[in-house]
Amino acid sequence: MTGARNFVIAQKATGRGVGASRDEPGGTMLPDAVEAKRTLFAARGRLPMFDDEPFEEEDWAAMFDAMGLVPRRYDARADALPLATIQQHFADHRARIIAQVRALPPYAHAMAELAAA
């Protein structure tokens, strides 16, 4: 429950309130766990994940991105992989997406099935 509560609190924190000092008027007071996530994400694009969190790392990253929070530098762990490995990973991922899209029924057919239901 705490993880879900923290995620909702973080979603509600927008504009000046995100990361504002707890002493500043109008600043949203973020729980310590959320502040730790925000700080690390802002620094390196990394997110500490705690036990039994109901939301994935990607959910937190998308939320911080939507808030306009851009990491100051990239995570140095990215340098550990050869460029060819990264390129192959994305090529494989792209191929899987294309295959899944091609397996979908045509739009008109899908809409006709929905209308008949």
PDB file of N, CA and C in Angstrom:
ATOM      1  N   MET A   1       0.818  -1.193   0.000  1.00  0.00           N
ATOM      2  CA  MET A   1       0.000   0.000   0.000  1.00  0.00           C
ATOM      3  C   MET A   1       0.864   1.260   0.000  1.00  0.00           C
ATOM      4  N   THR A   2       1.979   1.199   0.724  1.00  0.00           N
ATOM      5  CA  THR A   2       2.840   2.374   0.803  1.00  0.00           C
ATOM      6  C   THR A   2       3.395   2.725  -0.573  1.00  0.00           C
ATOM      7  N   GLY A   3       3.794   1.705  -1.339  1.00  0.00           N
ATOM      8  CA  GLY A   3       4.320   1.960  -2.679  1.00  0.00           C
ATOM      9  C   GLY A   3       3.287   2.604  -3.580  1.00  0.00           C
ATOM     10  N   ALA A   4       2.049   2.143  -3.519  1.00  0.00           N
ATOM     11  CA  ALA A   4       0.982   2.738  -4.322  1.00  0.00           C
ATOM     12  C   ALA A   4       0.715   4.170  -3.880  1.00  0.00           C
ATOM     13  N   ARG A   5       0.696   4.390  -2.574  1.00  0.00           N
ATOM     14  CA  ARG A   5       0.477   5.739  -2.041  1.00  0.00           C
ATOM     15  C   ARG A   5       1.580   6.681  -2.520  1.00  0.00           C
ATOM     16  N   ASN A   6       2.829   6.221  -2.447  1.00  0.00           N
ATOM     17  CA  ASN A   6       3.944   7.057  -2.875  1.00  0.00           C
ATOM     18  C   ASN A   6       3.849   7.417  -4.347  1.00  0.00           C
ATOM     19  N   PHE A   7       3.425   6.462  -5.168  1.00  0.00           N
ATOM     20  CA  PHE A   7       3.304   6.718  -6.601  1.00  0.00           C
ATOM     21  C   PHE A   7       2.236   7.778  -6.861  1.00  0.00           C
ATOM     22  N   VAL A   8       1.113   7.675  -6.167  1.00  0.00           N
ATOM     23  CA  VAL A   8       0.023   8.644  -6.339  1.00  0.00           C
ATOM     24  C   VAL A   8       0.467  10.030  -5.879  1.00  0.00           C
ATOM     25  N   ILE A   9       1.165  10.087  -4.756  1.00  0.00           N
ATOM     26  CA  ILE A   9       1.663  11.376  -4.260  1.00  0.00           C
ATOM     27  C   ILE A   9       2.612  11.995  -5.286  1.00  0.00           C
ATOM     28  N   ALA A  10       3.493  11.181  -5.830  1.00  0.00           N
ATOM     29  CA  ALA A  10       4.444  11.680  -6.827  1.00  0.00           C
ATOM     30  C   ALA A  10       3.719  12.173  -8.077  1.00  0.00           C
ATOM     31  N   GLN A  11       2.659  11.476  -8.490  1.00  0.00           N
ATOM     32  CA  GLN A  11       1.886  11.902  -9.660  1.00  0.00           C
ATOM     33  C   GLN A  11       1.230  13.255  -9.428  1.00  0.00           C
ATOM     34  N   LYS A  12       0.780  13.492  -8.231  1.00  0.00           N
ATOM     35  CA  LYS A  12       0.088  14.743  -7.918  1.00  0.00           C
ATOM     36  C   LYS A  12       1.052  15.926  -7.829  1.00  0.00           C
ATOM     37  N   ALA A  13       2.321  15.643  -7.563  1.00  0.00           N
ATOM     38  CA  ALA A  13       3.316  16.703  -7.434  1.00  0.00           C
ATOM     39  C   ALA A  13       3.703  17.186  -8.827  1.00  0.00           C
ATOM     40  N   THR A  14       3.342  18.401  -9.157  1.00  0.00           N
ATOM     41  CA  THR A  14       3.650  18.942 -10.477  1.00  0.00           C
ATOM     42  C   THR A  14       4.248  20.324 -10.350  1.00  0.00           C
ATOM     43  N   GLY A  15       4.810  20.781 -11.452  1.00  0.00           N
ATOM     44  CA  GLY A  15       5.334  22.139 -11.507  1.00  0.00           C
ATOM     45  C   GLY A  15       6.383  22.413 -10.457  1.00  0.00           C
ATOM     46  N   ARG A  16       6.270  23.534  -9.806  1.00  0.00           N
ATOM     47  CA  ARG A  16       7.247  23.981  -8.817  1.00  0.00           C
ATOM     48  C   ARG A  16       7.319  23.050  -7.630  1.00  0.00           C
ATOM     49  N   GLY A  17       6.212  22.340  -7.358  1.00  0.00           N
ATOM     50  CA  GLY A  17       6.181  21.472  -6.194  1.00  0.00           C
ATOM     51  C   GLY A  17       7.122  20.288  -6.273  1.00  0.00           C
ATOM     52  N   VAL A  18       7.438  19.816  -7.475  1.00  0.00           N
ATOM     53  CA  VAL A  18       8.304  18.657  -7.591  1.00  0.00           C
ATOM     54  C   VAL A  18       9.707  19.024  -7.152  1.00  0.00           C
ATOM     55  N   GLY A  19      10.144  18.398  -6.098  1.00  0.00           N
ATOM     56  CA  GLY A  19      11.493  18.618  -5.611  1.00  0.00           C
ATOM     57  C   GLY A  19      11.690  19.935  -4.899  1.00  0.00           C
ATOM     58  N   ALA A  20      10.630  20.704  -4.717  1.00  0.00           N
ATOM     59  CA  ALA A  20      10.774  21.962  -3.998  1.00  0.00           C
ATOM     60  C   ALA A  20      11.130  21.666  -2.556  1.00  0.00           C
ATOM     61  N   SER A  21      11.804  22.591  -1.949  1.00  0.00           N
ATOM     62  CA  SER A  21      12.183  22.410  -0.556  1.00  0.00           C
ATOM     63  C   SER A  21      10.941  22.255   0.298  1.00  0.00           C
ATOM     64  N   ARG A  22      11.049  21.413   1.308  1.00  0.00           N
ATOM     65  CA  ARG A  22       9.909  21.209   2.202  1.00  0.00           C
ATOM     66  C   ARG A  22       9.551  22.496   2.941  1.00  0.00           C
ATOM     67  N   ASP A  23      10.500  23.433   2.984  1.00  0.00           N
ATOM     68  CA  ASP A  23      10.260  24.696   3.680  1.00  0.00           C
ATOM     69  C   ASP A  23       9.668  25.763   2.776  1.00  0.00           C
ATOM     70  N   GLU A  24       9.723  25.546   1.453  1.00  0.00           N
ATOM     71  CA  GLU A  24       9.204  26.538   0.530  1.00  0.00           C
ATOM     72  C   GLU A  24       7.683  26.491   0.502  1.00  0.00           C
ATOM     73  N   PRO A  25       7.039  27.670   0.484  1.00  0.00           N
ATOM     74  CA  PRO A  25       5.582  27.662   0.362  1.00  0.00           C
ATOM     75  C   PRO A  25       5.180  27.080  -0.984  1.00  0.00           C
ATOM     76  N   GLY A  26       4.177  26.251  -0.981  1.00  0.00           N
ATOM     77  CA  GLY A  26       3.683  25.644  -2.217  1.00  0.00           C
ATOM     78  C   GLY A  26       4.443  24.407  -2.629  1.00  0.00           C
ATOM     79  N   GLY A  27       5.524  24.090  -1.947  1.00  0.00           N
ATOM     80  CA  GLY A  27       6.288  22.896  -2.282  1.00  0.00           C
ATOM     81  C   GLY A  27       5.552  21.651  -1.816  1.00  0.00           C
ATOM     82  N   THR A  28       5.539  20.621  -2.649  1.00  0.00           N
ATOM     83  CA  THR A  28       4.891  19.373  -2.280  1.00  0.00           C
ATOM     84  C   THR A  28       5.876  18.547  -1.465  1.00  0.00           C
ATOM     85  N   MET A  29       5.466  18.145  -0.296  1.00  0.00           N
ATOM     86  CA  MET A  29       6.337  17.334   0.551  1.00  0.00           C
ATOM     87  C   MET A  29       6.276  15.896   0.065  1.00  0.00           C
ATOM     88  N   LEU A  30       7.376  15.432  -0.488  1.00  0.00           N
ATOM     89  CA  LEU A  30       7.439  14.074  -1.008  1.00  0.00           C
ATOM     90  C   LEU A  30       7.950  13.135   0.074  1.00  0.00           C
ATOM     91  N   PRO A  31       7.383  11.937   0.149  1.00  0.00           N
ATOM     92  CA  PRO A  31       7.923  10.947   1.085  1.00  0.00           C
ATOM     93  C   PRO A  31       9.396  10.683   0.769  1.00  0.00           C
ATOM     94  N   ASP A  32      10.157  10.279   1.776  1.00  0.00           N
ATOM     95  CA  ASP A  32      11.595  10.055   1.597  1.00  0.00           C
ATOM     96  C   ASP A  32      11.902   9.082   0.466  1.00  0.00           C
ATOM     97  N   ALA A  33      11.125   8.014   0.333  1.00  0.00           N
ATOM     98  CA  ALA A  33      11.367   7.029  -0.722  1.00  0.00           C
ATOM     99  C   ALA A  33      11.185   7.657  -2.103  1.00  0.00           C
ATOM    100  N   VAL A  34      10.190   8.523  -2.253  1.00  0.00           N
ATOM    101  CA  VAL A  34       9.944   9.192  -3.538  1.00  0.00           C
ATOM    102  C   VAL A  34      11.050  10.209  -3.809  1.00  0.00           C
ATOM    103  N   GLU A  35      11.452  10.935  -2.787  1.00  0.00           N
ATOM    104  CA  GLU A  35      12.528  11.912  -2.949  1.00  0.00           C
ATOM    105  C   GLU A  35      13.824  11.215  -3.364  1.00  0.00           C
ATOM    106  N   ALA A  36      14.084  10.031  -2.804  1.00  0.00           N
ATOM    107  CA  ALA A  36      15.279   9.274  -3.186  1.00  0.00           C
ATOM    108  C   ALA A  36      15.213   8.885  -4.659  1.00  0.00           C
ATOM    109  N   LYS A  37      14.055   8.440  -5.120  1.00  0.00           N
ATOM    110  CA  LYS A  37      13.876   8.088  -6.527  1.00  0.00           C
ATOM    111  C   LYS A  37      14.073   9.312  -7.416  1.00  0.00           C
ATOM    112  N   ARG A  38      13.437  10.408  -7.043  1.00  0.00           N
ATOM    113  CA  ARG A  38      13.516  11.642  -7.840  1.00  0.00           C
ATOM    114  C   ARG A  38      14.954  12.138  -7.934  1.00  0.00           C
ATOM    115  N   THR A  39      15.657  12.130  -6.831  1.00  0.00           N
ATOM    116  CA  THR A  39      17.030  12.630  -6.794  1.00  0.00           C
ATOM    117  C   THR A  39      17.954  11.783  -7.663  1.00  0.00           C
ATOM    118  N   LEU A  40      17.867  10.464  -7.528  1.00  0.00           N
ATOM    119  CA  LEU A  40      18.733   9.586  -8.310  1.00  0.00           C
ATOM    120  C   LEU A  40      18.378   9.653  -9.794  1.00  0.00           C
ATOM    121  N   PHE A  41      17.083   9.730 -10.110  1.00  0.00           N
ATOM    122  CA  PHE A  41      16.673   9.840 -11.506  1.00  0.00           C
ATOM    123  C   PHE A  41      17.194  11.145 -12.108  1.00  0.00           C
ATOM    124  N   ALA A  42      17.078  12.241 -11.366  1.00  0.00           N
ATOM    125  CA  ALA A  42      17.545  13.541 -11.855  1.00  0.00           C
ATOM    126  C   ALA A  42      19.054  13.543 -12.067  1.00  0.00           C
ATOM    127  N   ALA A  43      19.773  12.801 -11.261  1.00  0.00           N
ATOM    128  CA  ALA A  43      21.230  12.768 -11.375  1.00  0.00           C
ATOM    129  C   ALA A  43      21.706  11.870 -12.509  1.00  0.00           C
ATOM    130  N   ARG A  44      21.176  10.638 -12.588  1.00  0.00           N
ATOM    131  CA  ARG A  44      21.727   9.648 -13.526  1.00  0.00           C
ATOM    132  C   ARG A  44      20.695   8.868 -14.322  1.00  0.00           C
ATOM    133  N   GLY A  45      19.431   9.166 -14.145  1.00  0.00           N
ATOM    134  CA  GLY A  45      18.414   8.405 -14.859  1.00  0.00           C
ATOM    135  C   GLY A  45      18.152   7.037 -14.267  1.00  0.00           C
ATOM    136  N   ARG A  46      18.632   6.802 -13.053  1.00  0.00           N
ATOM    137  CA  ARG A  46      18.413   5.515 -12.380  1.00  0.00           C
ATOM    138  C   ARG A  46      17.316   5.655 -11.352  1.00  0.00           C
ATOM    139  N   LEU A  47      16.693   4.529 -11.042  1.00  0.00           N
ATOM    140  CA  LEU A  47      15.611   4.514 -10.059  1.00  0.00           C
ATOM    141  C   LEU A  47      15.818   3.385  -9.068  1.00  0.00           C
ATOM    142  N   PRO A  48      15.948   3.714  -7.788  1.00  0.00           N
ATOM    143  CA  PRO A  48      16.018   2.635  -6.800  1.00  0.00           C
ATOM    144  C   PRO A  48      14.643   2.001  -6.660  1.00  0.00           C
ATOM    145  N   MET A  49      14.597   0.688  -6.684  1.00  0.00           N
ATOM    146  CA  MET A  49      13.321  -0.011  -6.529  1.00  0.00           C
ATOM    147  C   MET A  49      13.341  -0.748  -5.200  1.00  0.00           C
ATOM    148  N   PHE A  50      12.235  -0.640  -4.490  1.00  0.00           N
ATOM    149  CA  PHE A  50      12.123  -1.225  -3.167  1.00  0.00           C
ATOM    150  C   PHE A  50      11.269  -2.489  -3.239  1.00  0.00           C
ATOM    151  N   ASP A  51      11.348  -3.323  -2.210  1.00  0.00           N
ATOM    152  CA  ASP A  51      10.597  -4.577  -2.175  1.00  0.00           C
ATOM    153  C   ASP A  51       9.096  -4.324  -2.287  1.00  0.00           C
ATOM    154  N   ASP A  52       8.427  -5.208  -3.003  1.00  0.00           N
ATOM    155  CA  ASP A  52       6.960  -5.218  -3.099  1.00  0.00           C
ATOM    156  C   ASP A  52       6.365  -3.922  -3.639  1.00  0.00           C
ATOM    157  N   GLU A  53       7.065  -3.267  -4.562  1.00  0.00           N
ATOM    158  CA  GLU A  53       6.489  -2.065  -5.173  1.00  0.00           C
ATOM    159  C   GLU A  53       5.459  -2.496  -6.212  1.00  0.00           C
ATOM    160  N   PRO A  54       4.290  -1.847  -6.217  1.00  0.00           N
ATOM    161  CA  PRO A  54       3.259  -2.234  -7.179  1.00  0.00           C
ATOM    162  C   PRO A  54       3.488  -1.663  -8.579  1.00  0.00           C
ATOM    163  N   PHE A  55       4.431  -0.734  -8.725  1.00  0.00           N
ATOM    164  CA  PHE A  55       4.700  -0.127 -10.024  1.00  0.00           C
ATOM    165  C   PHE A  55       6.118  -0.463 -10.458  1.00  0.00           C
ATOM    166  N   GLU A  56       6.303  -0.571 -11.764  1.00  0.00           N
ATOM    167  CA  GLU A  56       7.592  -0.945 -12.338  1.00  0.00           C
ATOM    168  C   GLU A  56       8.494   0.277 -12.488  1.00  0.00           C
ATOM    169  N   GLU A  57       9.753   0.006 -12.697  1.00  0.00           N
ATOM    170  CA  GLU A  57      10.730   1.071 -12.916  1.00  0.00           C
ATOM    171  C   GLU A  57      10.317   1.949 -14.100  1.00  0.00           C
ATOM    172  N   GLU A  58       9.771   1.320 -15.146  1.00  0.00           N
ATOM    173  CA  GLU A  58       9.342   2.055 -16.331  1.00  0.00           C
ATOM    174  C   GLU A  58       8.215   3.035 -16.002  1.00  0.00           C
ATOM    175  N   ASP A  59       7.331   2.658 -15.070  1.00  0.00           N
ATOM    176  CA  ASP A  59       6.238   3.548 -14.675  1.00  0.00           C
ATOM    177  C   ASP A  59       6.782   4.817 -14.024  1.00  0.00           C
ATOM    178  N   TRP A  60       7.750   4.633 -13.115  1.00  0.00           N
ATOM    179  CA  TRP A  60       8.361   5.777 -12.442  1.00  0.00           C
ATOM    180  C   TRP A  60       9.093   6.655 -13.449  1.00  0.00           C
ATOM    181  N   ALA A  61       9.859   6.037 -14.349  1.00  0.00           N
ATOM    182  CA  ALA A  61      10.614   6.803 -15.336  1.00  0.00           C
ATOM    183  C   ALA A  61       9.673   7.598 -16.235  1.00  0.00           C
ATOM    184  N   ALA A  62       8.572   6.988 -16.679  1.00  0.00           N
ATOM    185  CA  ALA A  62       7.609   7.684 -17.530  1.00  0.00           C
ATOM    186  C   ALA A  62       6.979   8.857 -16.785  1.00  0.00           C
ATOM    187  N   MET A  63       6.690   8.658 -15.499  1.00  0.00           N
ATOM    188  CA  MET A  63       6.081   9.739 -14.721  1.00  0.00           C
ATOM    189  C   MET A  63       7.058  10.900 -14.559  1.00  0.00           C
ATOM    190  N   PHE A  64       8.310  10.599 -14.187  1.00  0.00           N
ATOM    191  CA  PHE A  64       9.293  11.665 -14.024  1.00  0.00           C
ATOM    192  C   PHE A  64       9.546  12.371 -15.352  1.00  0.00           C
ATOM    193  N   ASP A  65       9.564  11.602 -16.442  1.00  0.00           N
ATOM    194  CA  ASP A  65       9.737  12.195 -17.767  1.00  0.00           C
ATOM    195  C   ASP A  65       8.577  13.127 -18.090  1.00  0.00           C
ATOM    196  N   ALA A  66       7.362  12.707 -17.786  1.00  0.00           N
ATOM    197  CA  ALA A  66       6.182  13.548 -18.031  1.00  0.00           C
ATOM    198  C   ALA A  66       6.221  14.833 -17.209  1.00  0.00           C
ATOM    199  N   MET A  67       6.883  14.782 -16.083  1.00  0.00           N
ATOM    200  CA  MET A  67       7.033  15.973 -15.244  1.00  0.00           C
ATOM    201  C   MET A  67       8.118  16.902 -15.771  1.00  0.00           C
ATOM    202  N   GLY A  68       8.835  16.452 -16.805  1.00  0.00           N
ATOM    203  CA  GLY A  68       9.895  17.272 -17.368  1.00  0.00           C
ATOM    204  C   GLY A  68      11.234  17.096 -16.675  1.00  0.00           C
ATOM    205  N   LEU A  69      11.348  16.066 -15.855  1.00  0.00           N
ATOM    206  CA  LEU A  69      12.596  15.806 -15.134  1.00  0.00           C
ATOM    207  C   LEU A  69      13.559  15.070 -16.072  1.00  0.00           C
ATOM    208  N   VAL A  70      14.646  15.726 -16.432  1.00  0.00           N
ATOM    209  CA  VAL A  70      15.629  15.159 -17.344  1.00  0.00           C
ATOM    210  C   VAL A  70      16.912  14.881 -16.566  1.00  0.00           C
ATOM    211  N   PRO A  71      17.408  13.646 -16.613  1.00  0.00           N
ATOM    212  CA  PRO A  71      18.659  13.341 -15.909  1.00  0.00           C
ATOM    213  C   PRO A  71      19.796  14.247 -16.391  1.00  0.00           C
ATOM    214  N   ARG A  72      20.639  14.663 -15.444  1.00  0.00           N
ATOM    215  CA  ARG A  72      21.774  15.534 -15.780  1.00  0.00           C
ATOM    216  C   ARG A  72      22.844  14.797 -16.572  1.00  0.00           C
ATOM    217  N   ARG A  73      22.965  13.493 -16.385  1.00  0.00           N
ATOM    218  CA  ARG A  73      23.927  12.699 -17.146  1.00  0.00           C
ATOM    219  C   ARG A  73      23.383  11.287 -17.280  1.00  0.00           C
ATOM    220  N   TYR A  74      23.957  10.539 -18.200  1.00  0.00           N
ATOM    221  CA  TYR A  74      23.495   9.165 -18.397  1.00  0.00           C
ATOM    222  C   TYR A  74      24.149   8.250 -17.380  1.00  0.00           C
ATOM    223  N   ASP A  75      23.553   7.100 -17.210  1.00  0.00           N
ATOM    224  CA  ASP A  75      24.068   6.103 -16.276  1.00  0.00           C
ATOM    225  C   ASP A  75      25.333   5.479 -16.865  1.00  0.00           C
ATOM    226  N   ALA A  76      26.414   5.529 -16.128  1.00  0.00           N
ATOM    227  CA  ALA A  76      27.696   5.013 -16.603  1.00  0.00           C
ATOM    228  C   ALA A  76      27.656   3.513 -16.891  1.00  0.00           C
ATOM    229  N   ARG A  77      26.666   2.802 -16.354  1.00  0.00           N
ATOM    230  CA  ARG A  77      26.552   1.367 -16.652  1.00  0.00           C
ATOM    231  C   ARG A  77      26.337   1.126 -18.144  1.00  0.00           C
ATOM    232  N   ALA A  78      25.820   2.147 -18.843  1.00  0.00           N
ATOM    233  CA  ALA A  78      25.596   1.998 -20.283  1.00  0.00           C
ATOM    234  C   ALA A  78      26.901   1.781 -21.028  1.00  0.00           C
ATOM    235  N   ASP A  79      28.004   2.275 -20.498  1.00  0.00           N
ATOM    236  CA  ASP A  79      29.302   2.102 -21.148  1.00  0.00           C
ATOM    237  C   ASP A  79      29.831   0.677 -21.041  1.00  0.00           C
ATOM    238  N   ALA A  80      29.227  -0.136 -20.191  1.00  0.00           N
ATOM    239  CA  ALA A  80      29.709  -1.503 -19.988  1.00  0.00           C
ATOM    240  C   ALA A  80      29.348  -2.419 -21.156  1.00  0.00           C
ATOM    241  N   LEU A  81      28.346  -2.050 -21.938  1.00  0.00           N
ATOM    242  CA  LEU A  81      27.927  -2.884 -23.067  1.00  0.00           C
ATOM    243  C   LEU A  81      28.523  -2.372 -24.369  1.00  0.00           C
ATOM    244  N   PRO A  82      28.995  -3.285 -25.216  1.00  0.00           N
ATOM    245  CA  PRO A  82      29.479  -2.859 -26.527  1.00  0.00           C
ATOM    246  C   PRO A  82      28.329  -2.293 -27.364  1.00  0.00           C
ATOM    247  N   LEU A  83      28.626  -1.309 -28.184  1.00  0.00           N
ATOM    248  CA  LEU A  83      27.617  -0.679 -29.021  1.00  0.00           C
ATOM    249  C   LEU A  83      26.889  -1.701 -29.888  1.00  0.00           C
ATOM    250  N   ALA A  84      27.604  -2.677 -30.412  1.00  0.00           N
ATOM    251  CA  ALA A  84      26.985  -3.700 -31.269  1.00  0.00           C
ATOM    252  C   ALA A  84      25.926  -4.504 -30.507  1.00  0.00           C
ATOM    253  N   THR A  85      26.150  -4.756 -29.233  1.00  0.00           N
ATOM    254  CA  THR A  85      25.179  -5.476 -28.406  1.00  0.00           C
ATOM    255  C   THR A  85      23.908  -4.649 -28.235  1.00  0.00           C
ATOM    256  N   ILE A  86      24.075  -3.366 -27.992  1.00  0.00           N
ATOM    257  CA  ILE A  86      22.922  -2.469 -27.832  1.00  0.00           C
ATOM    258  C   ILE A  86      22.151  -2.374 -29.143  1.00  0.00           C
ATOM    259  N   GLN A  87      22.855  -2.208 -30.244  1.00  0.00           N
ATOM    260  CA  GLN A  87      22.197  -2.120 -31.551  1.00  0.00           C
ATOM    261  C   GLN A  87      21.427  -3.393 -31.869  1.00  0.00           C
ATOM    262  N   GLN A  88      22.000  -4.561 -31.543  1.00  0.00           N
ATOM    263  CA  GLN A  88      21.327  -5.831 -31.797  1.00  0.00           C
ATOM    264  C   GLN A  88      20.078  -5.957 -30.937  1.00  0.00           C
ATOM    265  N   HIS A  89      20.176  -5.521 -29.675  1.00  0.00           N
ATOM    266  CA  HIS A  89      19.019  -5.568 -28.775  1.00  0.00           C
ATOM    267  C   HIS A  89      17.861  -4.766 -29.366  1.00  0.00           C
ATOM    268  N   PHE A  90      18.145  -3.549 -29.834  1.00  0.00           N
ATOM    269  CA  PHE A  90      17.074  -2.716 -30.382  1.00  0.00           C
ATOM    270  C   PHE A  90      16.570  -3.247 -31.718  1.00  0.00           C
ATOM    271  N   ALA A  91      17.429  -3.830 -32.509  1.00  0.00           N
ATOM    272  CA  ALA A  91      16.986  -4.434 -33.764  1.00  0.00           C
ATOM    273  C   ALA A  91      16.052  -5.613 -33.484  1.00  0.00           C
ATOM    274  N   ASP A  92      16.399  -6.440 -32.503  1.00  0.00           N
ATOM    275  CA  ASP A  92      15.539  -7.567 -32.122  1.00  0.00           C
ATOM    276  C   ASP A  92      14.202  -7.069 -31.585  1.00  0.00           C
ATOM    277  N   HIS A  93      14.260  -6.048 -30.763  1.00  0.00           N
ATOM    278  CA  HIS A  93      13.037  -5.474 -30.175  1.00  0.00           C
ATOM    279  C   HIS A  93      12.137  -4.922 -31.285  1.00  0.00           C
ATOM    280  N   ARG A  94      12.733  -4.214 -32.222  1.00  0.00           N
ATOM    281  CA  ARG A  94      11.977  -3.664 -33.351  1.00  0.00           C
ATOM    282  C   ARG A  94      11.325  -4.788 -34.159  1.00  0.00           C
ATOM    283  N   ALA A  95      12.063  -5.840 -34.400  1.00  0.00           N
ATOM    284  CA  ALA A  95      11.530  -6.969 -35.177  1.00  0.00           C
ATOM    285  C   ALA A  95      10.342  -7.613 -34.450  1.00  0.00           C
ATOM    286  N   ARG A  96      10.429  -7.746 -33.135  1.00  0.00           N
ATOM    287  CA  ARG A  96       9.305  -8.312 -32.363  1.00  0.00           C
ATOM    288  C   ARG A  96       8.073  -7.417 -32.456  1.00  0.00           C
ATOM    289  N   ILE A  97       8.266  -6.117 -32.373  1.00  0.00           N
ATOM    290  CA  ILE A  97       7.137  -5.180 -32.470  1.00  0.00           C
ATOM    291  C   ILE A  97       6.492  -5.274 -33.845  1.00  0.00           C
ATOM    292  N   ILE A  98       7.301  -5.283 -34.890  1.00  0.00           N
ATOM    293  CA  ILE A  98       6.769  -5.384 -36.256  1.00  0.00           C
ATOM    294  C   ILE A  98       5.985  -6.677 -36.424  1.00  0.00           C
ATOM    295  N   ALA A  99       6.503  -7.793 -35.907  1.00  0.00           N
ATOM    296  CA  ALA A  99       5.802  -9.074 -36.025  1.00  0.00           C
ATOM    297  C   ALA A  99       4.470  -9.042 -35.284  1.00  0.00           C
ATOM    298  N   GLN A 100       4.455  -8.425 -34.124  1.00  0.00           N
ATOM    299  CA  GLN A 100       3.204  -8.341 -33.361  1.00  0.00           C
ATOM    300  C   GLN A 100       2.179  -7.462 -34.068  1.00  0.00           C
ATOM    301  N   VAL A 101       2.611  -6.364 -34.644  1.00  0.00           N
ATOM    302  CA  VAL A 101       1.690  -5.479 -35.365  1.00  0.00           C
ATOM    303  C   VAL A 101       1.146  -6.177 -36.603  1.00  0.00           C
ATOM    304  N   ARG A 102       1.994  -6.887 -37.317  1.00  0.00           N
ATOM    305  CA  ARG A 102       1.543  -7.598 -38.522  1.00  0.00           C
ATOM    306  C   ARG A 102       0.543  -8.697 -38.191  1.00  0.00           C
ATOM    307  N   ALA A 103       0.614  -9.240 -36.979  1.00  0.00           N
ATOM    308  CA  ALA A 103      -0.306 -10.315 -36.579  1.00  0.00           C
ATOM    309  C   ALA A 103      -1.683  -9.766 -36.187  1.00  0.00           C
ATOM    310  N   LEU A 104      -1.800  -8.466 -36.005  1.00  0.00           N
ATOM    311  CA  LEU A 104      -3.090  -7.880 -35.631  1.00  0.00           C
ATOM    312  C   LEU A 104      -4.040  -7.910 -36.825  1.00  0.00           C
ATOM    313  N   PRO A 105      -5.350  -8.029 -36.549  1.00  0.00           N
ATOM    314  CA  PRO A 105      -6.309  -7.989 -37.652  1.00  0.00           C
ATOM    315  C   PRO A 105      -6.390  -6.570 -38.219  1.00  0.00           C
ATOM    316  N   PRO A 106      -6.798  -6.439 -39.462  1.00  0.00           N
ATOM    317  CA  PRO A 106      -6.973  -5.097 -40.025  1.00  0.00           C
ATOM    318  C   PRO A 106      -7.959  -4.293 -39.171  1.00  0.00           C
ATOM    319  N   TYR A 107      -7.781  -2.999 -39.139  1.00  0.00           N
ATOM    320  CA  TYR A 107      -8.613  -2.122 -38.315  1.00  0.00           C
ATOM    321  C   TYR A 107     -10.106  -2.321 -38.576  1.00  0.00           C
ATOM    322  N   ALA A 108     -10.505  -2.319 -39.839  1.00  0.00           N
ATOM    323  CA  ALA A 108     -11.928  -2.459 -40.187  1.00  0.00           C
ATOM    324  C   ALA A 108     -12.486  -3.780 -39.652  1.00  0.00           C
ATOM    325  N   HIS A 109     -11.716  -4.828 -39.752  1.00  0.00           N
ATOM    326  CA  HIS A 109     -12.154  -6.140 -39.267  1.00  0.00           C
ATOM    327  C   HIS A 109     -12.319  -6.111 -37.734  1.00  0.00           C
ATOM    328  N   ALA A 110     -11.354  -5.532 -37.045  1.00  0.00           N
ATOM    329  CA  ALA A 110     -11.427  -5.462 -35.575  1.00  0.00           C
ATOM    330  C   ALA A 110     -12.634  -4.637 -35.150  1.00  0.00           C
ATOM    331  N   MET A 111     -12.909  -3.533 -35.833  1.00  0.00           N
ATOM    332  CA  MET A 111     -14.049  -2.686 -35.479  1.00  0.00           C
ATOM    333  C   MET A 111     -15.362  -3.392 -35.769  1.00  0.00           C
ATOM    334  N   ALA A 112     -15.418  -4.152 -36.841  1.00  0.00           N
ATOM    335  CA  ALA A 112     -16.638  -4.905 -37.181  1.00  0.00           C
ATOM    336  C   ALA A 112     -16.915  -5.955 -36.106  1.00  0.00           C
ATOM    337  N   GLU A 113     -15.872  -6.612 -35.616  1.00  0.00           N
ATOM    338  CA  GLU A 113     -16.039  -7.600 -34.554  1.00  0.00           C
ATOM    339  C   GLU A 113     -16.537  -6.944 -33.279  1.00  0.00           C
ATOM    340  N   LEU A 114     -15.999  -5.781 -32.967  1.00  0.00           N
ATOM    341  CA  LEU A 114     -16.448  -5.063 -31.756  1.00  0.00           C
ATOM    342  C   LEU A 114     -17.906  -4.632 -31.897  1.00  0.00           C
ATOM    343  N   ALA A 115     -18.282  -4.170 -33.062  1.00  0.00           N
ATOM    344  CA  ALA A 115     -19.661  -3.707 -33.283  1.00  0.00           C
ATOM    345  C   ALA A 115     -20.641  -4.881 -33.193  1.00  0.00           C
ATOM    346  N   ALA A 116     -20.205  -6.066 -33.619  1.00  0.00           N
ATOM    347  CA  ALA A 116     -21.069  -7.241 -33.582  1.00  0.00           C
ATOM    348  C   ALA A 116     -21.234  -7.792 -32.172  1.00  0.00           C
ATOM    349  N   ALA A 117     -20.337  -7.462 -31.288  1.00  0.00           N
ATOM    350  CA  ALA A 117     -20.381  -8.014 -29.923  1.00  0.00           C
ATOM    351  C   ALA A 117     -21.424  -7.367 -29.062  1.00  0.00           C
TER     352      ALA A 117
END
